[in-house]
Amino acid sequence: MMKGKLVLVLGGSRSGKSEFAEKIAAQMGERVIYIATAAVLDDEMAERVRLHRIRRPQLWETVEEEKNVLAVLQKGRQGDVFILDCVTIWLTNLLLDKNNSSPEVSLAKKKEYILEQAVKLANTVETGLHLIAVSNEVGQGLVPENSLGRVFRDLSGKVNQIIAARAEQVFLTVAGIPVDIKSLAPAGMECLNNGC
């Protein structure tokens, strides 16, 4: 079985990362499945979702899945192209999951679980499907004032590192301009943390 391709598209809010990921997907294959991780809880989010939907080709399948992204990917076939938009919202959903909020589930266990899920996500391309993961770069802003915000920021950075270490390409999108940052890394220096 041929290995699929993993691409990570990073950027800040409204940097153009989703649009760029969609362009990559359109060039990679015929069957594109868009995994949307955001819950529609208010009118503002409903409008954002509407704009995303009208921008995508009608032939693309959209799967709304807030937490169990791996189950969606497991249904994929060799050659399928998946866009996961977005990793940081998926991470938020896992971190705040009320089903894993019992006293027996410590924050350390949640963090361990999330990092395991990120490794499994990055490894899904071994089945031959292609994955374009869209994620926010949140570590360049202010230090969050509360501990949960700092845990989220740190987890987000670590999850991005895990995916980037396994990705063939990593793009940073700034002001609508994507730059392939993995190709700019010196040989052998893509990830300094032993595979992240």
N, C-alpha and C. Protein backbone atom coordinates (compact mmCIF):
# COMPACT_ATOMS: atom_id res chain seq x y z
N MET A 1 0.85 -1.19 0.00
CA MET A 1 0.00 0.00 0.00
C MET A 1 0.89 1.24 0.00
N MET A 2 0.52 2.19 -0.83
CA MET A 2 1.27 3.44 -0.88
C MET A 2 0.94 4.34 0.30
N LYS A 3 1.95 5.01 0.81
CA LYS A 3 1.74 5.97 1.89
C LYS A 3 1.12 7.23 1.30
N GLY A 4 0.19 7.81 2.05
CA GLY A 4 -0.40 9.07 1.63
C GLY A 4 0.50 10.24 1.99
N LYS A 5 0.04 11.41 1.67
CA LYS A 5 0.81 12.64 1.91
C LYS A 5 0.17 13.40 3.07
N LEU A 6 1.02 13.92 3.96
CA LEU A 6 0.57 14.74 5.07
C LEU A 6 1.12 16.15 4.88
N VAL A 7 0.23 17.13 4.93
CA VAL A 7 0.60 18.53 4.78
C VAL A 7 0.02 19.29 5.97
N LEU A 8 0.83 20.13 6.59
CA LEU A 8 0.36 20.99 7.69
C LEU A 8 0.36 22.43 7.21
N VAL A 9 -0.77 23.11 7.39
CA VAL A 9 -0.90 24.52 7.02
C VAL A 9 -1.17 25.30 8.31
N LEU A 10 -0.19 26.10 8.71
CA LEU A 10 -0.28 26.91 9.93
C LEU A 10 -0.54 28.37 9.58
N GLY A 11 -1.05 29.10 10.55
CA GLY A 11 -1.22 30.53 10.37
C GLY A 11 -2.06 31.10 11.49
N GLY A 12 -2.10 32.40 11.54
CA GLY A 12 -2.95 33.09 12.50
C GLY A 12 -4.38 33.17 12.00
N SER A 13 -5.21 33.80 12.78
CA SER A 13 -6.61 33.98 12.40
C SER A 13 -6.71 34.82 11.14
N ARG A 14 -7.51 34.36 10.19
CA ARG A 14 -7.76 35.06 8.93
C ARG A 14 -6.48 35.28 8.11
N SER A 15 -5.55 34.34 8.21
CA SER A 15 -4.30 34.45 7.46
C SER A 15 -4.40 33.87 6.06
N GLY A 16 -5.50 33.16 5.76
CA GLY A 16 -5.66 32.54 4.46
C GLY A 16 -5.31 31.06 4.45
N LYS A 17 -5.13 30.48 5.63
CA LYS A 17 -4.70 29.09 5.71
C LYS A 17 -5.74 28.11 5.19
N SER A 18 -7.01 28.32 5.48
CA SER A 18 -8.05 27.39 5.00
C SER A 18 -8.17 27.44 3.48
N GLU A 19 -8.16 28.64 2.92
CA GLU A 19 -8.25 28.78 1.46
C GLU A 19 -7.06 28.10 0.78
N PHE A 20 -5.88 28.25 1.37
CA PHE A 20 -4.70 27.62 0.79
C PHE A 20 -4.80 26.09 0.88
N ALA A 21 -5.26 25.58 2.01
CA ALA A 21 -5.44 24.13 2.17
C ALA A 21 -6.43 23.59 1.13
N GLU A 22 -7.47 24.35 0.86
CA GLU A 22 -8.46 23.93 -0.14
C GLU A 22 -7.83 23.88 -1.53
N LYS A 23 -6.95 24.81 -1.84
CA LYS A 23 -6.26 24.79 -3.15
C LYS A 23 -5.37 23.55 -3.27
N ILE A 24 -4.68 23.21 -2.20
CA ILE A 24 -3.84 22.01 -2.21
C ILE A 24 -4.72 20.78 -2.44
N ALA A 25 -5.82 20.69 -1.72
CA ALA A 25 -6.71 19.53 -1.83
C ALA A 25 -7.25 19.37 -3.24
N ALA A 26 -7.61 20.47 -3.87
CA ALA A 26 -8.17 20.42 -5.22
C ALA A 26 -7.17 19.85 -6.22
N GLN A 27 -5.89 19.98 -5.93
CA GLN A 27 -4.84 19.47 -6.82
C GLN A 27 -4.43 18.04 -6.49
N MET A 28 -4.81 17.54 -5.32
CA MET A 28 -4.32 16.24 -4.87
C MET A 28 -5.18 15.05 -5.26
N GLY A 29 -6.46 15.25 -5.45
CA GLY A 29 -7.30 14.10 -5.74
C GLY A 29 -8.72 14.49 -6.05
N GLU A 30 -9.48 13.49 -6.48
CA GLU A 30 -10.87 13.74 -6.88
C GLU A 30 -11.82 13.71 -5.69
N ARG A 31 -11.63 12.77 -4.77
CA ARG A 31 -12.54 12.64 -3.63
C ARG A 31 -11.95 13.42 -2.45
N VAL A 32 -12.59 14.52 -2.10
CA VAL A 32 -12.13 15.37 -1.00
C VAL A 32 -13.20 15.36 0.09
N ILE A 33 -12.75 15.07 1.31
CA ILE A 33 -13.63 15.07 2.48
C ILE A 33 -13.14 16.15 3.43
N TYR A 34 -14.01 17.08 3.74
CA TYR A 34 -13.68 18.23 4.58
C TYR A 34 -14.19 17.94 5.99
N ILE A 35 -13.28 17.80 6.95
CA ILE A 35 -13.67 17.55 8.34
C ILE A 35 -13.70 18.89 9.07
N ALA A 36 -14.90 19.30 9.43
CA ALA A 36 -15.10 20.57 10.14
C ALA A 36 -15.24 20.27 11.63
N THR A 37 -14.37 20.86 12.44
CA THR A 37 -14.34 20.54 13.87
C THR A 37 -15.07 21.56 14.75
N ALA A 38 -15.50 22.67 14.17
CA ALA A 38 -16.13 23.72 14.98
C ALA A 38 -17.62 23.45 15.19
N ALA A 39 -18.06 23.65 16.40
CA ALA A 39 -19.49 23.57 16.71
C ALA A 39 -20.13 24.91 16.36
N VAL A 40 -21.32 24.85 15.80
CA VAL A 40 -22.05 26.08 15.47
C VAL A 40 -22.95 26.41 16.65
N LEU A 41 -22.49 27.35 17.48
CA LEU A 41 -23.21 27.68 18.71
C LEU A 41 -23.85 29.06 18.70
N ASP A 42 -23.52 29.88 17.68
CA ASP A 42 -24.10 31.22 17.62
C ASP A 42 -24.16 31.69 16.16
N ASP A 43 -24.77 32.85 15.96
CA ASP A 43 -24.95 33.37 14.60
C ASP A 43 -23.62 33.70 13.92
N GLU A 44 -22.66 34.19 14.68
CA GLU A 44 -21.37 34.52 14.09
C GLU A 44 -20.70 33.28 13.52
N MET A 45 -20.70 32.17 14.30
CA MET A 45 -20.09 30.94 13.81
C MET A 45 -20.89 30.37 12.64
N ALA A 46 -22.19 30.50 12.67
CA ALA A 46 -23.02 30.02 11.56
C ALA A 46 -22.66 30.75 10.27
N GLU A 47 -22.39 32.04 10.37
CA GLU A 47 -21.99 32.81 9.19
C GLU A 47 -20.61 32.38 8.69
N ARG A 48 -19.69 32.14 9.60
CA ARG A 48 -18.36 31.67 9.20
C ARG A 48 -18.46 30.34 8.45
N VAL A 49 -19.26 29.44 8.99
CA VAL A 49 -19.46 28.12 8.36
C VAL A 49 -20.09 28.28 6.99
N ARG A 50 -21.07 29.16 6.88
CA ARG A 50 -21.74 29.38 5.59
C ARG A 50 -20.74 29.86 4.53
N LEU A 51 -19.88 30.79 4.92
CA LEU A 51 -18.88 31.32 3.98
C LEU A 51 -17.88 30.24 3.56
N HIS A 52 -17.49 29.41 4.50
CA HIS A 52 -16.59 28.30 4.17
C HIS A 52 -17.26 27.35 3.18
N ARG A 53 -18.53 27.05 3.42
CA ARG A 53 -19.23 26.08 2.57
C ARG A 53 -19.41 26.57 1.14
N ILE A 54 -19.77 27.83 0.97
CA ILE A 54 -20.00 28.32 -0.40
C ILE A 54 -18.71 28.45 -1.18
N ARG A 55 -17.59 28.51 -0.48
CA ARG A 55 -16.29 28.61 -1.15
C ARG A 55 -15.83 27.26 -1.69
N ARG A 56 -16.29 26.17 -1.08
CA ARG A 56 -15.83 24.83 -1.46
C ARG A 56 -16.64 24.27 -2.62
N PRO A 57 -16.01 23.43 -3.46
CA PRO A 57 -16.75 22.77 -4.54
C PRO A 57 -17.88 21.90 -3.98
N GLN A 58 -18.99 21.85 -4.69
CA GLN A 58 -20.15 21.09 -4.22
C GLN A 58 -19.91 19.59 -4.17
N LEU A 59 -18.97 19.11 -4.96
CA LEU A 59 -18.67 17.68 -4.97
C LEU A 59 -17.95 17.22 -3.70
N TRP A 60 -17.35 18.14 -2.98
CA TRP A 60 -16.64 17.77 -1.77
C TRP A 60 -17.64 17.38 -0.69
N GLU A 61 -17.29 16.37 0.06
CA GLU A 61 -18.11 15.93 1.18
C GLU A 61 -17.67 16.67 2.44
N THR A 62 -18.63 17.12 3.23
CA THR A 62 -18.31 17.77 4.51
C THR A 62 -18.79 16.87 5.64
N VAL A 63 -17.90 16.63 6.58
CA VAL A 63 -18.24 15.85 7.77
C VAL A 63 -18.01 16.76 8.97
N GLU A 64 -19.06 17.00 9.73
CA GLU A 64 -18.92 17.81 10.94
C GLU A 64 -18.65 16.87 12.11
N GLU A 65 -17.44 16.97 12.63
CA GLU A 65 -17.03 16.09 13.74
C GLU A 65 -16.13 16.89 14.68
N GLU A 66 -16.62 17.10 15.87
CA GLU A 66 -15.90 17.93 16.83
C GLU A 66 -14.76 17.21 17.54
N LYS A 67 -14.92 15.89 17.80
CA LYS A 67 -13.92 15.19 18.60
C LYS A 67 -13.36 13.92 17.95
N ASN A 68 -14.21 13.09 17.38
CA ASN A 68 -13.78 11.78 16.91
C ASN A 68 -13.28 11.82 15.46
N VAL A 69 -12.30 12.65 15.23
CA VAL A 69 -11.73 12.86 13.90
C VAL A 69 -11.09 11.58 13.38
N LEU A 70 -10.45 10.83 14.26
CA LEU A 70 -9.78 9.60 13.82
C LEU A 70 -10.76 8.60 13.23
N ALA A 71 -11.96 8.52 13.78
CA ALA A 71 -12.98 7.60 13.23
C ALA A 71 -13.36 8.00 11.81
N VAL A 72 -13.43 9.29 11.54
CA VAL A 72 -13.74 9.76 10.19
C VAL A 72 -12.61 9.37 9.23
N LEU A 73 -11.38 9.57 9.66
CA LEU A 73 -10.23 9.24 8.82
C LEU A 73 -10.13 7.73 8.57
N GLN A 74 -10.52 6.93 9.55
CA GLN A 74 -10.45 5.47 9.39
C GLN A 74 -11.39 4.97 8.30
N LYS A 75 -12.39 5.75 7.95
CA LYS A 75 -13.31 5.37 6.88
C LYS A 75 -12.76 5.71 5.50
N GLY A 76 -11.62 6.40 5.47
CA GLY A 76 -11.03 6.82 4.20
C GLY A 76 -10.39 5.66 3.45
N ARG A 77 -10.25 5.87 2.15
CA ARG A 77 -9.63 4.88 1.27
C ARG A 77 -8.35 5.46 0.70
N GLN A 78 -7.53 4.58 0.17
CA GLN A 78 -6.30 5.03 -0.48
C GLN A 78 -6.64 6.04 -1.56
N GLY A 79 -5.96 7.17 -1.55
CA GLY A 79 -6.18 8.22 -2.54
C GLY A 79 -7.17 9.28 -2.11
N ASP A 80 -7.97 9.02 -1.08
CA ASP A 80 -8.88 10.06 -0.57
C ASP A 80 -8.08 11.23 -0.02
N VAL A 81 -8.62 12.42 -0.16
CA VAL A 81 -7.97 13.63 0.37
C VAL A 81 -8.87 14.19 1.47
N PHE A 82 -8.30 14.33 2.66
CA PHE A 82 -9.03 14.90 3.79
C PHE A 82 -8.43 16.25 4.15
N ILE A 83 -9.30 17.20 4.42
CA ILE A 83 -8.88 18.47 5.02
C ILE A 83 -9.43 18.47 6.44
N LEU A 84 -8.56 18.64 7.41
CA LEU A 84 -8.98 18.77 8.80
C LEU A 84 -8.88 20.24 9.17
N ASP A 85 -10.02 20.88 9.35
CA ASP A 85 -10.06 22.31 9.63
C ASP A 85 -10.95 22.55 10.85
N CYS A 86 -10.39 22.71 12.02
CA CYS A 86 -8.98 22.89 12.22
C CYS A 86 -8.50 22.11 13.42
N VAL A 87 -7.19 21.88 13.46
CA VAL A 87 -6.56 21.10 14.52
C VAL A 87 -6.74 21.77 15.87
N THR A 88 -6.59 23.08 15.95
CA THR A 88 -6.67 23.75 17.26
C THR A 88 -8.08 23.73 17.83
N ILE A 89 -9.09 23.77 16.98
CA ILE A 89 -10.45 23.64 17.50
C ILE A 89 -10.69 22.20 17.97
N TRP A 90 -10.19 21.23 17.22
CA TRP A 90 -10.26 19.82 17.64
C TRP A 90 -9.59 19.65 19.00
N LEU A 91 -8.41 20.23 19.14
CA LEU A 91 -7.68 20.18 20.41
C LEU A 91 -8.51 20.80 21.54
N THR A 92 -9.11 21.94 21.29
CA THR A 92 -9.97 22.59 22.28
C THR A 92 -11.13 21.68 22.67
N ASN A 93 -11.76 21.07 21.67
CA ASN A 93 -12.89 20.17 21.95
C ASN A 93 -12.47 19.00 22.82
N LEU A 94 -11.30 18.43 22.56
CA LEU A 94 -10.80 17.32 23.38
C LEU A 94 -10.44 17.78 24.78
N LEU A 95 -9.81 18.94 24.88
CA LEU A 95 -9.39 19.45 26.18
C LEU A 95 -10.58 19.78 27.08
N LEU A 96 -11.65 20.30 26.48
CA LEU A 96 -12.82 20.72 27.27
C LEU A 96 -13.94 19.68 27.28
N ASP A 97 -13.67 18.49 26.76
CA ASP A 97 -14.69 17.44 26.66
C ASP A 97 -15.27 17.11 28.04
N LYS A 98 -16.55 17.34 28.19
CA LYS A 98 -17.23 17.10 29.47
C LYS A 98 -17.26 15.61 29.83
N ASN A 99 -17.20 14.75 28.83
CA ASN A 99 -17.19 13.31 29.10
C ASN A 99 -15.88 12.86 29.74
N ASN A 100 -14.85 13.65 29.62
CA ASN A 100 -13.55 13.33 30.23
C ASN A 100 -13.22 14.32 31.33
N SER A 101 -14.22 14.78 32.06
CA SER A 101 -14.00 15.78 33.10
C SER A 101 -14.27 15.26 34.51
N SER A 102 -14.30 13.95 34.65
CA SER A 102 -14.54 13.39 35.98
C SER A 102 -13.28 13.58 36.83
N PRO A 103 -13.42 13.47 38.15
CA PRO A 103 -12.26 13.64 39.02
C PRO A 103 -11.13 12.64 38.72
N GLU A 104 -11.51 11.47 38.15
CA GLU A 104 -10.50 10.44 37.85
C GLU A 104 -9.63 10.84 36.65
N VAL A 105 -10.12 11.76 35.82
CA VAL A 105 -9.38 12.17 34.62
C VAL A 105 -8.63 13.46 34.94
N SER A 106 -7.36 13.32 35.22
CA SER A 106 -6.54 14.48 35.57
C SER A 106 -6.17 15.24 34.30
N LEU A 107 -5.73 16.46 34.48
CA LEU A 107 -5.28 17.27 33.35
C LEU A 107 -4.09 16.61 32.68
N ALA A 108 -3.22 15.99 33.46
CA ALA A 108 -2.06 15.30 32.89
C ALA A 108 -2.50 14.16 31.97
N LYS A 109 -3.53 13.43 32.38
CA LYS A 109 -4.05 12.32 31.55
C LYS A 109 -4.69 12.86 30.28
N LYS A 110 -5.40 13.98 30.39
CA LYS A 110 -6.00 14.60 29.20
C LYS A 110 -4.92 15.01 28.21
N LYS A 111 -3.86 15.64 28.72
CA LYS A 111 -2.76 16.07 27.86
C LYS A 111 -2.12 14.86 27.18
N GLU A 112 -1.88 13.81 27.93
CA GLU A 112 -1.29 12.59 27.37
C GLU A 112 -2.19 12.01 26.28
N TYR A 113 -3.49 11.96 26.54
CA TYR A 113 -4.46 11.45 25.57
C TYR A 113 -4.44 12.28 24.28
N ILE A 114 -4.43 13.60 24.42
CA ILE A 114 -4.44 14.49 23.25
C ILE A 114 -3.18 14.30 22.42
N LEU A 115 -2.04 14.18 23.07
CA LEU A 115 -0.79 13.97 22.33
C LEU A 115 -0.81 12.61 21.61
N GLU A 116 -1.37 11.60 22.25
CA GLU A 116 -1.52 10.29 21.59
C GLU A 116 -2.42 10.40 20.37
N GLN A 117 -3.50 11.16 20.49
CA GLN A 117 -4.41 11.35 19.36
C GLN A 117 -3.70 12.06 18.21
N ALA A 118 -2.84 13.02 18.54
CA ALA A 118 -2.09 13.74 17.50
C ALA A 118 -1.15 12.81 16.75
N VAL A 119 -0.48 11.91 17.47
CA VAL A 119 0.41 10.93 16.82
C VAL A 119 -0.40 10.03 15.91
N LYS A 120 -1.53 9.55 16.39
CA LYS A 120 -2.39 8.68 15.56
C LYS A 120 -2.89 9.43 14.33
N LEU A 121 -3.24 10.69 14.51
CA LEU A 121 -3.68 11.52 13.38
C LEU A 121 -2.59 11.59 12.32
N ALA A 122 -1.38 11.90 12.75
CA ALA A 122 -0.26 12.03 11.80
C ALA A 122 0.03 10.70 11.10
N ASN A 123 -0.22 9.59 11.79
CA ASN A 123 0.07 8.28 11.22
C ASN A 123 -1.03 7.76 10.29
N THR A 124 -2.17 8.44 10.21
CA THR A 124 -3.26 7.93 9.35
C THR A 124 -2.86 7.88 7.88
N VAL A 125 -1.88 8.65 7.47
CA VAL A 125 -1.46 8.64 6.06
C VAL A 125 -0.79 7.32 5.69
N GLU A 126 -0.42 6.51 6.68
CA GLU A 126 0.16 5.20 6.39
C GLU A 126 -0.83 4.30 5.65
N THR A 127 -2.12 4.60 5.75
CA THR A 127 -3.14 3.80 5.06
C THR A 127 -3.34 4.22 3.61
N GLY A 128 -2.63 5.25 3.17
CA GLY A 128 -2.72 5.67 1.78
C GLY A 128 -3.60 6.88 1.52
N LEU A 129 -4.30 7.35 2.53
CA LEU A 129 -5.09 8.56 2.33
C LEU A 129 -4.19 9.77 2.49
N HIS A 130 -4.64 10.91 1.99
CA HIS A 130 -3.90 12.16 2.10
C HIS A 130 -4.60 13.04 3.13
N LEU A 131 -3.81 13.75 3.92
CA LEU A 131 -4.37 14.62 4.96
C LEU A 131 -3.71 15.99 4.91
N ILE A 132 -4.56 17.00 4.83
CA ILE A 132 -4.11 18.39 4.95
C ILE A 132 -4.68 18.91 6.26
N ALA A 133 -3.80 19.15 7.22
CA ALA A 133 -4.22 19.60 8.54
C ALA A 133 -4.02 21.11 8.63
N VAL A 134 -5.08 21.82 8.98
CA VAL A 134 -5.05 23.28 9.14
C VAL A 134 -5.00 23.56 10.64
N SER A 135 -4.06 24.40 11.06
CA SER A 135 -3.90 24.67 12.48
C SER A 135 -3.50 26.12 12.71
N ASN A 136 -3.87 26.63 13.86
CA ASN A 136 -3.49 27.99 14.24
C ASN A 136 -2.12 27.98 14.90
N GLU A 137 -1.36 29.01 14.63
CA GLU A 137 -0.09 29.23 15.31
C GLU A 137 -0.41 30.19 16.45
N VAL A 138 -0.57 29.65 17.66
CA VAL A 138 -1.01 30.48 18.79
C VAL A 138 0.12 30.89 19.72
N GLY A 139 1.30 30.36 19.52
CA GLY A 139 2.40 30.63 20.44
C GLY A 139 3.11 31.94 20.25
N GLN A 140 2.70 32.74 19.28
CA GLN A 140 3.39 34.00 19.03
C GLN A 140 2.70 35.20 19.68
N GLY A 141 1.62 34.94 20.40
CA GLY A 141 0.88 36.02 21.03
C GLY A 141 1.27 36.20 22.48
N LEU A 142 0.40 36.84 23.21
CA LEU A 142 0.61 37.08 24.63
C LEU A 142 0.54 35.78 25.41
N VAL A 143 1.20 35.75 26.56
CA VAL A 143 1.10 34.61 27.46
C VAL A 143 -0.29 34.66 28.09
N PRO A 144 -1.07 33.57 27.96
CA PRO A 144 -2.42 33.58 28.55
C PRO A 144 -2.37 33.83 30.05
N GLU A 145 -3.39 34.53 30.55
CA GLU A 145 -3.38 34.90 31.96
C GLU A 145 -3.83 33.78 32.89
N ASN A 146 -4.51 32.74 32.35
CA ASN A 146 -4.95 31.65 33.22
C ASN A 146 -4.27 30.34 32.83
N SER A 147 -4.28 29.40 33.78
CA SER A 147 -3.54 28.15 33.59
C SER A 147 -4.10 27.31 32.44
N LEU A 148 -5.42 27.27 32.27
CA LEU A 148 -5.99 26.49 31.17
C LEU A 148 -5.57 27.08 29.83
N GLY A 149 -5.51 28.39 29.72
CA GLY A 149 -5.05 29.03 28.50
C GLY A 149 -3.60 28.68 28.20
N ARG A 150 -2.77 28.60 29.24
CA ARG A 150 -1.37 28.24 29.04
C ARG A 150 -1.24 26.77 28.65
N VAL A 151 -2.06 25.91 29.25
CA VAL A 151 -2.05 24.49 28.87
C VAL A 151 -2.45 24.36 27.40
N PHE A 152 -3.50 25.07 26.99
CA PHE A 152 -3.93 25.02 25.59
C PHE A 152 -2.83 25.49 24.65
N ARG A 153 -2.22 26.63 24.98
CA ARG A 153 -1.14 27.16 24.13
C ARG A 153 -0.01 26.15 23.99
N ASP A 154 0.42 25.57 25.11
CA ASP A 154 1.53 24.62 25.08
C ASP A 154 1.16 23.35 24.33
N LEU A 155 -0.05 22.83 24.57
CA LEU A 155 -0.51 21.63 23.85
C LEU A 155 -0.60 21.90 22.35
N SER A 156 -1.12 23.04 22.01
CA SER A 156 -1.24 23.40 20.59
C SER A 156 0.12 23.40 19.91
N GLY A 157 1.10 23.99 20.56
CA GLY A 157 2.45 24.00 20.01
C GLY A 157 3.01 22.60 19.86
N LYS A 158 2.80 21.77 20.87
CA LYS A 158 3.32 20.39 20.82
C LYS A 158 2.61 19.57 19.74
N VAL A 159 1.29 19.71 19.64
CA VAL A 159 0.54 19.00 18.60
C VAL A 159 1.01 19.43 17.21
N ASN A 160 1.21 20.73 17.02
CA ASN A 160 1.72 21.21 15.73
C ASN A 160 3.09 20.60 15.43
N GLN A 161 3.94 20.47 16.46
CA GLN A 161 5.26 19.87 16.26
C GLN A 161 5.14 18.40 15.85
N ILE A 162 4.24 17.67 16.49
CA ILE A 162 4.04 16.25 16.17
C ILE A 162 3.64 16.09 14.71
N ILE A 163 2.68 16.89 14.29
CA ILE A 163 2.20 16.79 12.90
C ILE A 163 3.29 17.25 11.94
N ALA A 164 3.96 18.34 12.27
CA ALA A 164 5.01 18.88 11.39
C ALA A 164 6.16 17.89 11.20
N ALA A 165 6.51 17.17 12.26
CA ALA A 165 7.62 16.22 12.17
C ALA A 165 7.34 15.13 11.15
N ARG A 166 6.07 14.76 10.98
CA ARG A 166 5.70 13.68 10.07
C ARG A 166 5.25 14.18 8.70
N ALA A 167 5.00 15.47 8.62
CA ALA A 167 4.48 16.05 7.37
C ALA A 167 5.56 16.17 6.31
N GLU A 168 5.16 15.97 5.05
CA GLU A 168 6.07 16.19 3.94
C GLU A 168 6.28 17.68 3.71
N GLN A 169 5.22 18.45 3.91
CA GLN A 169 5.29 19.90 3.73
C GLN A 169 4.62 20.58 4.91
N VAL A 170 5.21 21.70 5.33
CA VAL A 170 4.63 22.53 6.38
C VAL A 170 4.65 23.96 5.86
N PHE A 171 3.47 24.55 5.76
CA PHE A 171 3.35 25.92 5.28
C PHE A 171 2.95 26.84 6.42
N LEU A 172 3.53 28.02 6.45
CA LEU A 172 3.10 29.08 7.35
C LEU A 172 2.46 30.14 6.46
N THR A 173 1.21 30.44 6.74
CA THR A 173 0.47 31.41 5.93
C THR A 173 0.38 32.73 6.69
N VAL A 174 0.90 33.78 6.06
CA VAL A 174 0.89 35.12 6.66
C VAL A 174 0.31 36.08 5.63
N ALA A 175 -0.75 36.79 6.00
CA ALA A 175 -1.38 37.78 5.11
C ALA A 175 -1.71 37.18 3.75
N GLY A 176 -2.17 35.93 3.76
CA GLY A 176 -2.57 35.28 2.51
C GLY A 176 -1.42 34.71 1.71
N ILE A 177 -0.20 34.79 2.22
CA ILE A 177 0.96 34.30 1.50
C ILE A 177 1.49 33.05 2.20
N PRO A 178 1.41 31.88 1.54
CA PRO A 178 1.93 30.65 2.14
C PRO A 178 3.43 30.50 1.85
N VAL A 179 4.17 30.13 2.89
CA VAL A 179 5.60 29.89 2.75
C VAL A 179 5.87 28.46 3.24
N ASP A 180 6.54 27.66 2.40
CA ASP A 180 6.87 26.28 2.78
C ASP A 180 8.05 26.33 3.74
N ILE A 181 7.76 26.30 5.03
CA ILE A 181 8.82 26.47 6.03
C ILE A 181 9.63 25.19 6.25
N LYS A 182 9.06 24.04 5.99
CA LYS A 182 9.83 22.81 6.20
C LYS A 182 10.97 22.71 5.20
N SER A 183 10.74 23.18 3.99
CA SER A 183 11.80 23.14 2.99
C SER A 183 12.94 24.10 3.32
N LEU A 184 12.69 25.08 4.17
CA LEU A 184 13.71 26.05 4.56
C LEU A 184 14.57 25.59 5.72
N ALA A 185 14.12 24.52 6.41
CA ALA A 185 14.87 24.03 7.57
C ALA A 185 16.16 23.36 7.12
N PRO A 186 17.27 23.59 7.84
CA PRO A 186 18.53 22.92 7.50
C PRO A 186 18.33 21.40 7.58
N ALA A 187 19.07 20.65 6.77
CA ALA A 187 18.96 19.20 6.74
C ALA A 187 19.11 18.62 8.14
N GLY A 188 18.18 17.74 8.51
CA GLY A 188 18.23 17.10 9.81
C GLY A 188 17.73 17.95 10.96
N MET A 189 17.29 19.18 10.68
CA MET A 189 16.89 20.08 11.76
C MET A 189 15.39 20.40 11.71
N GLU A 190 14.61 19.56 11.01
CA GLU A 190 13.17 19.83 10.91
C GLU A 190 12.52 19.87 12.27
N CYS A 191 12.99 19.04 13.17
CA CYS A 191 12.42 19.00 14.51
C CYS A 191 13.53 18.67 15.49
N LEU A 192 13.71 19.49 16.47
CA LEU A 192 14.83 19.32 17.39
C LEU A 192 14.51 18.43 18.59
N ASN A 193 13.25 18.06 18.75
CA ASN A 193 12.85 17.34 19.96
C ASN A 193 12.70 15.84 19.72
N ASN A 194 13.65 15.21 19.09
CA ASN A 194 13.61 13.76 18.85
C ASN A 194 12.30 13.33 18.22
N GLY A 195 11.97 13.88 17.08
CA GLY A 195 10.72 13.53 16.40
C GLY A 195 9.54 14.27 16.96
N CYS A 196 9.80 15.26 17.76
CA CYS A 196 8.79 16.11 18.40
C CYS A 196 7.97 15.30 19.37
